[in-house]
Amino acid sequence: MTFTTREGAHVLIDTYGRVATDLRVSLTDRCNLRCTYCMPEEGLQWLAKPDLLTDDEIVRLIDLAVRTLGIEEVRFTGGEPLLRPGLVGIVERVAALTPRPQMSLTTNGIGLRRTATALKAAGLDRVNVSLDTLRPDVFKTLTRRDRHHDVLAGLEAAREAGLTPVKVNAVLMPGLNADEAPDLLAWAVEHDYELRFIEQMPLDAQHGWKRDGMVTAGDILTSLRTRFTLTPEGEEKRGSAPAERWLVDGGPHVVGVIASVTRPFCAACDRTRLTADGQVRTCLFAREETDLRAALRSGAPDEEIARLWRLAMWGKKAGAGLDDPSFVQPDRPMSAIGG
């Protein structure tokens, strides 16, 4: 088994020739919303604090990844990463690494109004904020929380702090917000946010996802075209990004669609994932994990941890398998493995 080298780094390559340069780091499995497509109303059994990676362990693994494994981008996720007490300090320490990775954060936006300035000062480059609806009553139904105004305030704070481009992620659900695609895009253009629609994925804790009940990328594009002219940006600009993007009425604004289910992009995937309890996941839909926490806490040197990480990625499957009738949802929901 041979791992190619990129500028002196033993990269995270798999048997299909894909190289992971984008690291998703889940900082916590906890969340202050209860979105219907993610978890039950009563919440989940959260990880015990000793099971979570410490701030030092997180920074050590990220340092190892960017210094020796070719990682160029780091995305902090959750659960809800703003619930992590040491978040700003982690960002500041990662910003000081050499080489310095690009850093972003995916959040529900509720705590962003009070943290956006500090995160920018610490070195965060940009944010992705989840917002599925412009209607406060629908937001409350979808998330089981009355916090719509806090998300809007968080978005504004992120833009003012310079965490740009501010990307807004929206999931459309039949019977709730499926009709809102054109309104969401008009609002995003008005406020200079980059809107991205995401097909609902089979990552809910209650395993209630049904393929025949989802709003597809095709449905979304058909709805958007009732009000806007969409021009494909093209595969050359897309690269390994999960979102297909379209120019809106000729530009400069764009809208993206992440069609994980109906138009999978596995062949170009460049991501590796680290869960809040220190497991490497090669894919959101993987059913296998590699334990780096145990290696860290047993005193393993960086070389051994890097070897385990490379081995995990070497075994990455060709695709998520969502089109296979025998597909089985992962045992852990999205809140536990990071979005």
Protein backbone atom coordinates (compact mmCIF):
# COMPACT_ATOMS: atom_id res chain seq x y z
CA MET A 1 0.00 0.00 0.00
CA THR A 2 1.51 3.34 -1.08
CA PHE A 3 0.35 6.79 -0.03
CA THR A 4 1.32 9.51 -2.50
CA THR A 5 3.01 12.66 -1.29
CA ARG A 6 1.81 16.25 -1.71
CA GLU A 7 4.44 18.85 -0.84
CA GLY A 8 6.00 16.52 1.70
CA ALA A 9 2.71 15.40 3.27
CA HIS A 10 1.57 11.77 3.22
CA VAL A 11 -1.92 12.47 1.97
CA LEU A 12 -5.20 10.80 2.88
CA ILE A 13 -5.81 8.89 -0.34
CA ASP A 14 -8.24 6.06 -0.98
CA THR A 15 -8.19 3.14 -3.41
CA TYR A 16 -10.22 5.17 -5.94
CA GLY A 17 -7.58 7.91 -6.09
CA ARG A 18 -9.56 10.51 -4.14
CA VAL A 19 -7.50 12.67 -1.81
CA ALA A 20 -9.05 14.18 1.33
CA THR A 21 -8.06 17.80 1.84
CA ASP A 22 -11.19 18.94 3.73
CA LEU A 23 -11.58 17.96 7.39
CA ARG A 24 -14.97 18.20 9.14
CA VAL A 25 -14.59 18.33 12.94
CA SER A 26 -17.63 17.77 15.15
CA LEU A 27 -17.08 19.64 18.43
CA THR A 28 -20.17 18.38 20.26
CA ASP A 29 -23.18 16.16 19.69
CA ARG A 30 -25.44 18.54 21.61
CA CYS A 31 -27.85 20.97 19.97
CA ASN A 32 -30.28 23.62 21.21
CA LEU A 33 -32.81 22.88 18.46
CA ARG A 34 -34.84 19.73 17.84
CA CYS A 35 -35.22 19.74 14.06
CA THR A 36 -37.69 17.13 12.92
CA TYR A 37 -35.32 15.78 10.25
CA CYS A 38 -32.49 15.30 12.76
CA MET A 39 -33.67 14.22 16.20
CA PRO A 40 -36.76 13.48 18.31
CA GLU A 41 -38.43 16.18 20.39
CA GLU A 42 -37.04 14.81 23.66
CA GLY A 43 -33.49 14.97 22.30
CA LEU A 44 -30.91 12.19 22.47
CA GLN A 45 -28.66 10.58 25.02
CA TRP A 46 -25.66 12.91 24.80
CA LEU A 47 -22.06 11.81 24.95
CA ALA A 48 -20.56 11.91 28.44
CA LYS A 49 -17.94 14.64 28.89
CA PRO A 50 -15.04 12.17 29.34
CA ASP A 51 -15.93 10.65 25.96
CA LEU A 52 -15.52 13.97 24.14
CA LEU A 53 -12.18 15.03 22.76
CA THR A 54 -10.60 17.78 24.85
CA ASP A 55 -9.60 21.10 23.28
CA ASP A 56 -5.95 20.00 23.32
CA GLU A 57 -6.79 16.70 21.63
CA ILE A 58 -8.79 18.44 18.91
CA VAL A 59 -5.99 20.90 18.17
CA ARG A 60 -3.39 18.12 18.16
CA LEU A 61 -5.37 16.10 15.61
CA ILE A 62 -5.97 19.12 13.39
CA ASP A 63 -2.28 20.06 13.62
CA LEU A 64 -1.33 16.52 12.62
CA ALA A 65 -3.81 16.62 9.74
CA VAL A 66 -2.61 19.91 8.24
CA ARG A 67 1.08 19.34 8.94
CA THR A 68 1.49 15.76 7.74
CA LEU A 69 -1.72 14.57 6.04
CA GLY A 70 -2.38 17.31 3.48
CA ILE A 71 -5.51 18.84 5.02
CA GLU A 72 -6.12 22.36 3.69
CA GLU A 73 -9.59 23.22 5.01
CA VAL A 74 -11.21 22.66 8.41
CA ARG A 75 -14.96 22.93 9.02
CA PHE A 76 -16.17 22.97 12.63
CA THR A 77 -19.55 21.29 13.05
CA GLY A 78 -21.77 19.69 15.70
CA GLY A 79 -24.41 19.13 16.89
CA GLU A 80 -24.22 22.85 17.42
CA PRO A 81 -20.55 23.94 17.62
CA LEU A 82 -21.39 27.26 19.32
CA LEU A 83 -22.30 25.18 22.39
CA ARG A 84 -18.65 24.16 22.75
CA PRO A 85 -17.23 26.31 25.60
CA GLY A 86 -13.71 26.41 24.17
CA LEU A 87 -14.68 27.14 20.57
CA VAL A 88 -13.05 30.57 20.22
CA GLY A 89 -9.83 29.28 21.76
CA ILE A 90 -9.78 26.27 19.42
CA VAL A 91 -10.23 28.54 16.40
CA GLU A 92 -7.45 30.83 17.58
CA ARG A 93 -5.04 27.92 18.08
CA VAL A 94 -5.84 26.37 14.70
CA ALA A 95 -5.34 29.76 13.02
CA ALA A 96 -1.81 29.76 14.42
CA LEU A 97 -0.88 26.42 12.85
CA THR A 98 1.61 26.10 10.02
CA PRO A 99 0.39 25.70 7.37
CA ARG A 100 -2.72 27.61 8.33
CA PRO A 101 -5.89 25.89 7.06
CA GLN A 102 -8.96 27.71 5.82
CA MET A 103 -11.54 27.60 8.61
CA SER A 104 -15.32 27.67 8.50
CA LEU A 105 -18.15 26.76 10.83
CA THR A 106 -21.61 25.27 10.34
CA THR A 107 -24.13 26.53 12.88
CA ASN A 108 -27.83 26.96 13.50
CA GLY A 109 -27.04 30.63 14.11
CA ILE A 110 -28.77 30.99 17.47
CA GLY A 111 -25.63 32.01 19.35
CA LEU A 112 -23.94 33.81 16.47
CA ARG A 113 -25.01 37.32 17.37
CA ARG A 114 -22.86 37.25 20.54
CA THR A 115 -19.92 35.27 19.11
CA ALA A 116 -19.43 36.38 15.48
CA THR A 117 -16.99 39.20 16.26
CA ALA A 118 -14.88 37.05 18.58
CA LEU A 119 -14.78 34.20 16.09
CA LYS A 120 -13.64 36.53 13.31
CA ALA A 121 -10.95 38.00 15.56
CA ALA A 122 -9.79 34.49 16.45
CA GLY A 123 -9.28 33.67 12.78
CA LEU A 124 -12.47 32.06 11.51
CA ASP A 125 -12.91 32.75 7.80
CA ARG A 126 -16.64 32.21 7.22
CA VAL A 127 -19.85 30.51 8.39
CA ASN A 128 -22.66 28.33 7.07
CA VAL A 129 -25.96 28.97 8.86
CA SER A 130 -28.96 26.64 8.75
CA LEU A 131 -32.29 28.36 8.09
CA ASP A 132 -35.11 26.42 6.45
CA THR A 133 -37.90 29.00 6.43
CA LEU A 134 -38.73 32.70 6.52
CA ARG A 135 -41.89 32.04 8.54
CA PRO A 136 -41.47 32.09 12.33
CA ASP A 137 -44.40 29.70 12.85
CA VAL A 138 -42.96 27.17 10.42
CA PHE A 139 -39.55 27.54 12.05
CA LYS A 140 -41.11 26.68 15.39
CA THR A 141 -42.79 23.62 13.90
CA LEU A 142 -39.61 22.43 12.19
CA THR A 143 -37.23 23.04 15.08
CA ARG A 144 -39.63 22.80 18.05
CA ARG A 145 -38.12 26.06 19.32
CA ASP A 146 -39.22 29.72 18.97
CA ARG A 147 -35.82 31.12 17.94
CA HIS A 148 -36.34 32.36 14.38
CA HIS A 149 -35.45 35.96 15.32
CA ASP A 150 -32.17 34.81 16.89
CA VAL A 151 -31.08 33.11 13.67
CA LEU A 152 -31.82 36.22 11.60
CA ALA A 153 -29.85 38.34 14.09
CA GLY A 154 -26.98 35.85 13.96
CA LEU A 155 -26.84 35.99 10.19
CA GLU A 156 -26.67 39.76 10.23
CA ALA A 157 -23.93 39.69 12.87
CA ALA A 158 -21.88 37.24 10.82
CA ARG A 159 -22.10 39.44 7.74
CA GLU A 160 -21.17 42.55 9.68
CA ALA A 161 -18.22 40.75 11.31
CA GLY A 162 -16.86 39.80 7.89
CA LEU A 163 -17.45 36.04 8.11
CA THR A 164 -18.18 36.03 4.40
CA PRO A 165 -19.43 34.68 2.17
CA VAL A 166 -22.24 33.89 4.60
CA LYS A 167 -23.85 30.71 3.31
CA VAL A 168 -27.39 29.73 4.28
CA ASN A 169 -28.35 26.05 4.23
CA ALA A 170 -32.01 25.16 3.79
CA VAL A 171 -33.79 21.80 3.86
CA LEU A 172 -37.27 21.72 2.33
CA MET A 173 -39.91 19.41 3.80
CA PRO A 174 -43.22 18.41 2.17
CA GLY A 175 -46.24 20.07 3.77
CA LEU A 176 -44.13 22.53 5.76
CA ASN A 177 -41.79 24.72 3.73
CA ALA A 178 -41.62 23.02 0.33
CA ASP A 179 -43.18 26.08 -1.31
CA GLU A 180 -40.62 28.55 0.05
CA ALA A 181 -37.72 28.04 -2.37
CA PRO A 182 -38.34 31.21 -4.46
CA ASP A 183 -39.00 33.36 -1.38
CA LEU A 184 -35.84 32.10 0.32
CA LEU A 185 -33.76 32.88 -2.74
CA ALA A 186 -35.21 36.39 -3.14
CA TRP A 187 -34.45 37.06 0.55
CA ALA A 188 -30.90 35.69 0.26
CA VAL A 189 -30.17 37.87 -2.78
CA GLU A 190 -31.54 40.93 -0.97
CA HIS A 191 -29.30 40.32 2.07
CA ASP A 192 -26.23 39.16 0.10
CA TYR A 193 -26.24 35.62 1.49
CA GLU A 194 -25.37 32.58 -0.61
CA LEU A 195 -28.31 30.18 -0.40
CA ARG A 196 -27.83 26.43 -0.69
CA PHE A 197 -30.66 23.92 -0.65
CA ILE A 198 -29.84 20.49 0.76
CA GLU A 199 -31.88 17.39 0.03
CA GLN A 200 -33.11 15.75 3.22
CA MET A 201 -30.74 12.90 4.02
CA PRO A 202 -31.30 9.63 5.92
CA LEU A 203 -29.50 10.76 9.06
CA ASP A 204 -32.39 11.32 11.48
CA ALA A 205 -32.16 9.59 14.86
CA GLN A 206 -35.69 8.24 14.62
CA HIS A 207 -35.07 6.68 11.16
CA GLY A 208 -38.19 8.25 9.72
CA TRP A 209 -36.67 9.27 6.38
CA LYS A 210 -38.47 8.08 3.28
CA ARG A 211 -37.11 8.55 -0.24
CA ASP A 212 -40.58 8.98 -1.73
CA GLY A 213 -41.41 11.74 0.75
CA MET A 214 -38.48 14.07 0.09
CA VAL A 215 -38.24 17.30 -1.89
CA THR A 216 -35.67 16.57 -4.59
CA ALA A 217 -33.14 18.80 -6.33
CA GLY A 218 -35.33 18.64 -9.43
CA ASP A 219 -38.34 19.84 -7.44
CA ILE A 220 -36.32 22.73 -6.02
CA LEU A 221 -34.98 23.87 -9.38
CA THR A 222 -38.42 23.69 -10.97
CA SER A 223 -39.79 25.88 -8.19
CA LEU A 224 -36.96 28.42 -8.43
CA ARG A 225 -37.38 28.76 -12.18
CA THR A 226 -40.93 30.02 -11.73
CA ARG A 227 -39.36 33.30 -10.62
CA PHE A 228 -35.69 33.31 -11.59
CA THR A 229 -33.48 32.53 -14.58
CA LEU A 230 -30.84 30.02 -13.53
CA THR A 231 -27.64 29.54 -15.52
CA PRO A 232 -25.39 26.58 -14.59
CA GLU A 233 -22.03 27.70 -13.27
CA GLY A 234 -20.42 24.52 -14.61
CA GLU A 235 -18.45 21.56 -13.34
CA GLU A 236 -15.12 23.31 -13.81
CA LYS A 237 -15.96 25.86 -11.12
CA ARG A 238 -17.63 23.28 -8.92
CA GLY A 239 -14.58 21.06 -8.48
CA SER A 240 -15.08 18.84 -5.43
CA ALA A 241 -17.71 21.10 -3.83
CA PRO A 242 -20.90 19.28 -2.84
CA ALA A 243 -23.18 22.01 -4.22
CA GLU A 244 -24.09 22.43 -7.87
CA ARG A 245 -24.38 26.19 -8.37
CA TRP A 246 -26.41 28.40 -10.70
CA LEU A 247 -26.09 32.09 -11.48
CA VAL A 248 -29.29 33.89 -10.49
CA ASP A 249 -30.64 36.12 -13.27
CA GLY A 250 -27.19 36.30 -14.82
CA GLY A 251 -25.33 36.93 -11.55
CA PRO A 252 -23.46 37.94 -9.54
CA HIS A 253 -25.56 36.08 -6.96
CA VAL A 254 -25.58 32.29 -7.04
CA VAL A 255 -27.73 29.54 -5.57
CA GLY A 256 -26.55 26.02 -4.82
CA VAL A 257 -28.24 22.65 -4.50
CA ILE A 258 -26.64 19.78 -2.61
CA ALA A 259 -28.33 16.69 -4.03
CA SER A 260 -26.74 13.98 -1.88
CA VAL A 261 -29.58 11.56 -2.59
CA THR A 262 -30.63 12.09 -6.22
CA ARG A 263 -27.36 13.40 -7.70
CA PRO A 264 -24.58 11.98 -5.49
CA PHE A 265 -21.13 13.50 -5.86
CA CYS A 266 -19.14 10.71 -4.22
CA ALA A 267 -16.65 10.41 -7.09
CA ALA A 268 -15.25 13.87 -6.33
CA CYS A 269 -15.44 13.69 -2.51
CA ASP A 270 -12.43 15.23 -0.74
CA ARG A 271 -13.69 15.03 2.86
CA THR A 272 -12.65 13.21 6.00
CA ARG A 273 -14.61 13.49 9.24
CA LEU A 274 -13.74 13.50 12.92
CA THR A 275 -16.55 12.93 15.41
CA ALA A 276 -16.82 14.68 18.76
CA ASP A 277 -15.63 11.50 20.49
CA GLY A 278 -12.58 11.10 18.28
CA GLN A 279 -13.67 8.65 15.58
CA VAL A 280 -12.63 8.98 11.94
CA ARG A 281 -15.52 8.58 9.52
CA THR A 282 -14.83 8.34 5.82
CA CYS A 283 -18.40 9.38 4.89
CA LEU A 284 -21.54 10.74 6.55
CA PHE A 285 -23.23 7.45 5.70
CA ALA A 286 -20.39 5.14 6.78
CA ARG A 287 -21.16 2.39 9.27
CA GLU A 288 -17.52 1.91 10.27
CA GLU A 289 -15.31 4.20 12.36
CA THR A 290 -11.65 4.28 13.36
CA ASP A 291 -10.89 5.22 16.96
CA LEU A 292 -8.23 7.94 17.25
CA ARG A 293 -9.23 8.91 20.80
CA ALA A 294 -8.00 5.61 22.19
CA ALA A 295 -4.69 6.02 20.40
CA LEU A 296 -4.32 9.58 21.70
CA ARG A 297 -5.03 8.59 25.29
CA SER A 298 -2.77 5.55 25.20
CA GLY A 299 0.19 7.80 24.41
CA ALA A 300 0.56 6.92 20.74
CA PRO A 301 2.98 9.17 18.82
CA ASP A 302 1.81 11.31 15.92
CA GLU A 303 3.24 8.82 13.43
CA GLU A 304 0.98 6.04 14.72
CA ILE A 305 -2.12 8.23 14.76
CA ALA A 306 -1.38 9.38 11.21
CA ARG A 307 -0.99 5.73 10.15
CA LEU A 308 -4.40 4.83 11.60
CA TRP A 309 -5.98 7.83 9.86
CA ARG A 310 -4.44 6.94 6.50
CA LEU A 311 -5.56 3.33 6.82
CA ALA A 312 -9.11 4.45 7.58
CA MET A 313 -9.25 6.64 4.49
CA TRP A 314 -7.61 4.01 2.30
CA GLY A 315 -10.65 1.83 2.92
CA LYS A 316 -13.21 4.49 1.93
CA LYS A 317 -16.03 3.07 -0.18
CA ALA A 318 -16.77 4.21 -3.72
CA GLY A 319 -20.08 5.80 -2.75
CA ALA A 320 -22.62 6.27 -0.01
CA GLY A 321 -24.87 3.56 -1.43
CA LEU A 322 -28.09 5.58 -1.17
CA ASP A 323 -29.23 4.17 -4.51
CA ASP A 324 -28.87 0.60 -3.23
CA PRO A 325 -32.21 -0.90 -2.14
CA SER A 326 -30.40 -2.60 0.73
CA PHE A 327 -29.08 0.71 2.10
CA VAL A 328 -29.19 0.86 5.89
CA GLN A 329 -29.00 4.16 7.78
CA PRO A 330 -25.93 4.77 9.95
CA ASP A 331 -26.35 3.89 13.62
CA ARG A 332 -25.46 7.43 14.68
CA PRO A 333 -27.57 10.47 13.70
CA MET A 334 -26.21 13.61 12.08
CA SER A 335 -25.94 15.40 15.43
CA ALA A 336 -23.39 12.83 16.59
CA ILE A 337 -21.20 12.71 13.46
CA GLY A 338 -21.21 16.28 12.17
CA GLY A 339 -22.92 17.79 9.13
